[in-house]
């Protein structure tokens, strides 16, 4: 084989190997609370770096009393008389939110979006729809179908069960895109629904939310993590704006 041709083939093989190695490296998952190269390229950002909670504050307040950073996770301590829901400093409209959570035995919590403050609002649940988090198998009393993990709390029950056992980590994802919402749990689509439709309004009026005039009416707002008086840990909290 002529020398020039053999060098050319060798160069192409090296380029192919290097390209494969580069793609493989980019696909390697990032460490806890970090972003991979692919995630950065796609526009993901972190809401918690494993050390500081400076992108969060308590609802209707400042600071993060009732929360602590422990082993690279944000932990709601569930202190009696001191529970406080955490909200993002920033607000969001259309996004994909992904995080991991680990709940205590018998625990109850939730992820909220389109949360607002002021105007007589005293709790995140009064404005923001909720992705339910709970110890499905060890809660203290029987649960309604719309109370199980990944439900749109008090509105849409989960279609399937996909939770990991209490004491282990679960991965949740919420997609909100111009009122169209999806709840994912451990890489499985649990429910989808659309805000502000006739069906939505009928469900709202038939539920406890009819007593809360600000519930589900906002098109943007804070993301919230609930301190419901039980310990729960959150990590790898990432978001991508749509």
Protein backbone atom coordinates (compact mmCIF):
# COMPACT_ATOMS: atom_id res chain seq x y z
CA UNK A 1 0.00 0.00 0.00
CA UNK A 2 1.46 3.44 -0.89
CA UNK A 3 2.77 5.34 2.10
CA UNK A 4 0.56 8.40 1.56
CA UNK A 5 -2.59 6.27 1.36
CA UNK A 6 -1.67 4.34 4.53
CA UNK A 7 -1.06 7.59 6.42
CA UNK A 8 -4.41 8.91 5.27
CA UNK A 9 -6.26 5.82 6.47
CA UNK A 10 -4.39 5.89 9.78
CA UNK A 11 -5.35 9.54 10.26
CA UNK A 12 -9.01 8.79 9.60
CA UNK A 13 -8.95 5.91 12.10
CA UNK A 14 -7.37 8.12 14.76
CA UNK A 15 -9.95 10.83 14.14
CA UNK A 16 -12.78 8.29 14.43
CA UNK A 17 -11.39 6.86 17.68
CA UNK A 18 -10.90 10.34 19.13
CA UNK A 19 -14.43 11.31 18.14
CA UNK A 20 -15.88 8.19 19.76
CA UNK A 21 -13.91 8.79 22.94
CA UNK A 22 -15.05 12.41 23.07
CA UNK A 23 -18.71 11.47 22.65
CA UNK A 24 -18.37 8.73 25.26
CA UNK A 25 -16.74 11.15 27.71
CA UNK A 26 -19.52 13.69 27.23
CA UNK A 27 -22.13 11.03 27.91
CA UNK A 28 -20.62 10.03 31.25
CA UNK A 29 -23.01 11.21 34.01
CA UNK A 30 -21.82 14.14 36.07
CA UNK A 31 -21.13 13.81 39.77
CA UNK A 32 -23.77 14.74 42.37
CA UNK A 33 -25.08 18.29 41.83
CA UNK A 34 -22.84 18.81 38.77
CA UNK A 35 -23.72 19.30 35.10
CA UNK A 36 -22.36 17.10 32.34
CA UNK A 37 -20.99 18.60 29.14
CA UNK A 38 -24.13 17.55 27.30
CA UNK A 39 -26.38 19.14 29.94
CA UNK A 40 -24.48 22.42 29.72
CA UNK A 41 -24.77 22.39 25.93
CA UNK A 42 -28.52 21.84 26.21
CA UNK A 43 -28.96 24.81 28.55
CA UNK A 44 -29.38 23.09 31.91
CA UNK A 45 -28.44 24.97 35.06
CA UNK A 46 -28.25 23.85 38.69
CA UNK A 47 -30.45 25.21 41.49
CA UNK A 48 -28.21 23.69 44.16
CA UNK A 49 -24.46 23.04 44.03
CA UNK A 50 -24.30 20.68 47.00
CA UNK A 51 -22.82 23.32 49.29
CA UNK A 52 -24.84 26.55 49.28
CA UNK A 53 -28.59 27.18 49.35
CA UNK A 54 -28.19 30.76 48.08
CA UNK A 55 -30.60 30.13 45.18
CA UNK A 56 -33.37 29.44 47.71
CA UNK A 57 -35.14 31.21 50.58
CA UNK A 58 -38.09 30.46 52.82
CA UNK A 59 -41.54 31.38 51.59
CA UNK A 60 -42.59 34.91 52.57
CA UNK A 61 -39.22 35.40 54.23
CA UNK A 62 -35.45 35.36 53.93
CA UNK A 63 -32.77 32.85 54.83
CA UNK A 64 -33.29 29.10 55.07
CA UNK A 65 -34.21 28.43 58.69
CA UNK A 66 -35.44 24.86 59.06
CA UNK A 67 -33.16 23.59 56.28
CA UNK A 68 -29.54 22.45 56.17
CA UNK A 69 -26.99 21.10 53.72
CA UNK A 70 -26.05 17.53 54.60
CA UNK A 71 -23.95 15.11 52.52
CA UNK A 72 -24.49 17.13 49.36
CA UNK A 73 -28.25 17.44 49.79
CA UNK A 74 -30.72 20.14 50.83
CA UNK A 75 -32.56 18.75 53.83
CA UNK A 76 -35.88 19.94 55.23
CA UNK A 77 -35.49 19.20 58.93
CA UNK A 78 -39.20 19.01 59.72
CA UNK A 79 -38.72 20.83 63.01
CA UNK A 80 -41.87 21.08 65.10
CA UNK A 81 -43.20 24.62 64.97
CA UNK A 82 -40.40 25.73 62.63
CA UNK A 83 -41.34 24.14 59.32
CA UNK A 84 -40.80 26.44 56.36
CA UNK A 85 -41.25 25.80 52.65
CA UNK A 86 -38.30 26.73 50.44
CA UNK A 87 -38.77 28.64 47.18
CA UNK A 88 -36.37 29.57 44.41
CA UNK A 89 -35.07 33.12 44.37
CA UNK A 90 -35.82 33.23 40.63
CA UNK A 91 -39.17 32.69 38.95
CA UNK A 92 -39.89 30.45 35.95
CA UNK A 93 -42.56 30.06 33.27
CA UNK A 94 -41.80 27.19 30.87
CA UNK A 95 -39.19 24.68 32.01
CA UNK A 96 -38.04 21.14 32.67
CA UNK A 97 -37.18 20.54 36.34
CA UNK A 98 -35.33 17.43 37.43
CA UNK A 99 -34.29 16.45 40.95
CA UNK A 100 -33.70 13.53 43.29
CA UNK A 101 -35.38 13.10 46.67
CA UNK A 102 -35.25 10.77 49.63
CA UNK A 103 -38.08 10.92 52.15
CA UNK A 104 -38.16 9.87 55.80
CA UNK A 105 -40.39 7.06 57.06
CA UNK A 106 -44.04 8.15 56.98
CA UNK A 107 -42.98 11.44 55.38
CA UNK A 108 -45.02 13.84 53.29
CA UNK A 109 -43.80 16.65 51.03
CA UNK A 110 -44.20 18.10 47.54
CA UNK A 111 -42.76 20.08 44.66
CA UNK A 112 -44.71 23.17 43.62
CA UNK A 113 -44.49 25.50 40.63
CA UNK A 114 -46.01 28.88 39.64
CA UNK A 115 -45.90 29.82 43.32
CA UNK A 116 -46.56 33.42 44.30
CA UNK A 117 -46.22 35.46 47.50
CA UNK A 118 -48.15 38.42 48.90
CA UNK A 119 -51.79 39.22 48.23
CA UNK A 120 -52.79 37.47 51.46
CA UNK A 121 -51.06 34.21 50.50
CA UNK A 122 -49.61 32.34 53.48
CA UNK A 123 -48.57 28.99 51.96
CA UNK A 124 -47.11 27.72 48.71
CA UNK A 125 -50.07 25.35 48.22
CA UNK A 126 -52.47 28.29 47.95
CA UNK A 127 -51.13 29.25 44.52
CA UNK A 128 -48.92 26.52 43.11
CA UNK A 129 -49.97 23.13 41.72
CA UNK A 130 -48.20 20.29 43.52
CA UNK A 131 -46.25 17.24 42.43
CA UNK A 132 -46.91 15.04 45.46
CA UNK A 133 -44.06 13.35 47.36
CA UNK A 134 -44.94 10.87 50.10
CA UNK A 135 -43.97 7.57 51.71
CA UNK A 136 -46.66 5.64 49.83
CA UNK A 137 -46.13 2.39 51.69
CA UNK A 138 -45.47 3.68 55.20
CA UNK A 139 -47.74 6.69 55.61
CA UNK A 140 -49.78 6.80 58.80
CA UNK A 141 -53.23 6.33 57.25
CA UNK A 142 -54.75 5.11 53.95
CA UNK A 143 -54.19 7.46 51.03
CA UNK A 144 -56.66 8.67 48.45
CA UNK A 145 -55.61 7.94 44.87
CA UNK A 146 -54.75 11.63 44.32
CA UNK A 147 -52.42 11.62 47.34
CA UNK A 148 -49.87 9.14 46.00
CA UNK A 149 -46.38 10.04 44.80
CA UNK A 150 -46.27 11.94 41.49
CA UNK A 151 -49.95 12.87 41.64
CA UNK A 152 -51.05 16.38 40.79
CA UNK A 153 -52.19 16.67 44.38
CA UNK A 154 -55.99 16.69 44.85
CA UNK A 155 -56.48 16.91 41.07
CA UNK A 156 -54.93 14.11 38.97
CA UNK A 157 -53.99 10.73 40.50
CA UNK A 158 -50.95 8.86 39.16
CA UNK A 159 -51.68 6.40 36.36
CA UNK A 160 -48.96 3.98 37.46
CA UNK A 161 -46.77 3.34 40.50
CA UNK A 162 -43.06 3.85 39.94
CA UNK A 163 -41.68 4.91 43.34
CA UNK A 164 -38.61 3.38 44.92
CA UNK A 165 -38.85 2.18 48.55
CA UNK A 166 -38.71 4.73 51.34
CA UNK A 167 -35.13 5.46 52.36
CA UNK A 168 -33.81 5.25 48.79
CA UNK A 169 -33.46 7.97 46.15
CA UNK A 170 -36.15 8.72 43.59
CA UNK A 171 -35.83 10.92 40.50
CA UNK A 172 -38.67 13.27 39.61
CA UNK A 173 -39.12 15.43 36.55
CA UNK A 174 -41.73 18.11 35.88
CA UNK A 175 -42.24 19.62 32.43
CA UNK A 176 -44.30 22.80 32.14
CA UNK A 177 -44.79 24.23 28.65
CA UNK A 178 -47.49 26.87 28.12
CA UNK A 179 -49.86 25.12 30.49
CA UNK A 180 -49.13 21.59 29.29
CA UNK A 181 -47.65 19.64 32.22
CA UNK A 182 -46.04 16.23 32.61
CA UNK A 183 -45.07 14.42 35.83
CA UNK A 184 -42.28 11.84 35.51
CA UNK A 185 -40.99 9.50 38.20
CA UNK A 186 -37.88 7.34 37.84
CA UNK A 187 -37.92 7.86 34.05
CA UNK A 188 -41.56 6.86 33.66
CA UNK A 189 -44.32 9.23 32.56
CA UNK A 190 -46.91 9.14 35.35
CA UNK A 191 -49.49 11.75 34.31
CA UNK A 192 -50.01 14.59 31.89
CA UNK A 193 -52.56 17.38 32.14
CA UNK A 194 -53.26 20.88 30.89
CA UNK A 195 -53.82 23.92 33.05
CA UNK A 196 -56.76 26.32 32.64
CA UNK A 197 -58.88 24.09 30.40
CA UNK A 198 -62.55 23.35 31.04
CA UNK A 199 -61.53 19.98 32.52
CA UNK A 200 -58.97 21.66 34.79
CA UNK A 201 -61.51 24.20 36.01
CA UNK A 202 -64.11 21.51 36.69
CA UNK A 203 -61.63 19.45 38.72
CA UNK A 204 -60.55 22.56 40.60
CA UNK A 205 -64.10 23.46 41.55
CA UNK A 206 -64.81 19.89 42.68
CA UNK A 207 -61.74 19.79 44.95
CA UNK A 208 -60.44 21.53 48.07
CA UNK A 209 -58.88 24.19 45.81
CA UNK A 210 -62.23 25.92 45.27
CA UNK A 211 -61.57 27.48 48.69
CA UNK A 212 -58.32 29.06 47.41
CA UNK A 213 -59.00 31.67 44.70
CA UNK A 214 -55.31 32.01 43.77
CA UNK A 215 -54.72 28.30 43.26
CA UNK A 216 -53.38 27.46 39.81
CA UNK A 217 -54.15 30.82 38.19
CA UNK A 218 -50.60 32.08 37.62
CA UNK A 219 -48.62 31.42 34.42
CA UNK A 220 -45.22 31.80 36.09
CA UNK A 221 -43.75 31.88 39.57
CA UNK A 222 -41.33 30.31 42.03
CA UNK A 223 -40.57 26.62 42.37
CA UNK A 224 -41.06 25.39 45.93
CA UNK A 225 -39.97 22.40 48.02
CA UNK A 226 -42.29 21.66 50.90
CA UNK A 227 -41.33 21.26 54.53
CA UNK A 228 -44.39 19.38 55.78
CA UNK A 229 -42.98 18.61 59.21
CA UNK A 230 -41.09 15.53 58.04
CA UNK A 231 -37.45 15.23 57.04
CA UNK A 232 -36.80 14.99 53.30
CA UNK A 233 -33.60 15.41 51.28
CA UNK A 234 -33.18 16.88 47.78
CA UNK A 235 -30.16 16.82 45.48
CA UNK A 236 -29.22 17.15 41.79
CA UNK A 237 -31.77 19.93 41.40
CA UNK A 238 -31.50 21.04 37.78
CA UNK A 239 -33.64 23.13 35.46
CA UNK A 240 -33.77 23.96 31.77
CA UNK A 241 -35.87 26.82 30.48
CA UNK A 242 -38.06 26.11 27.45
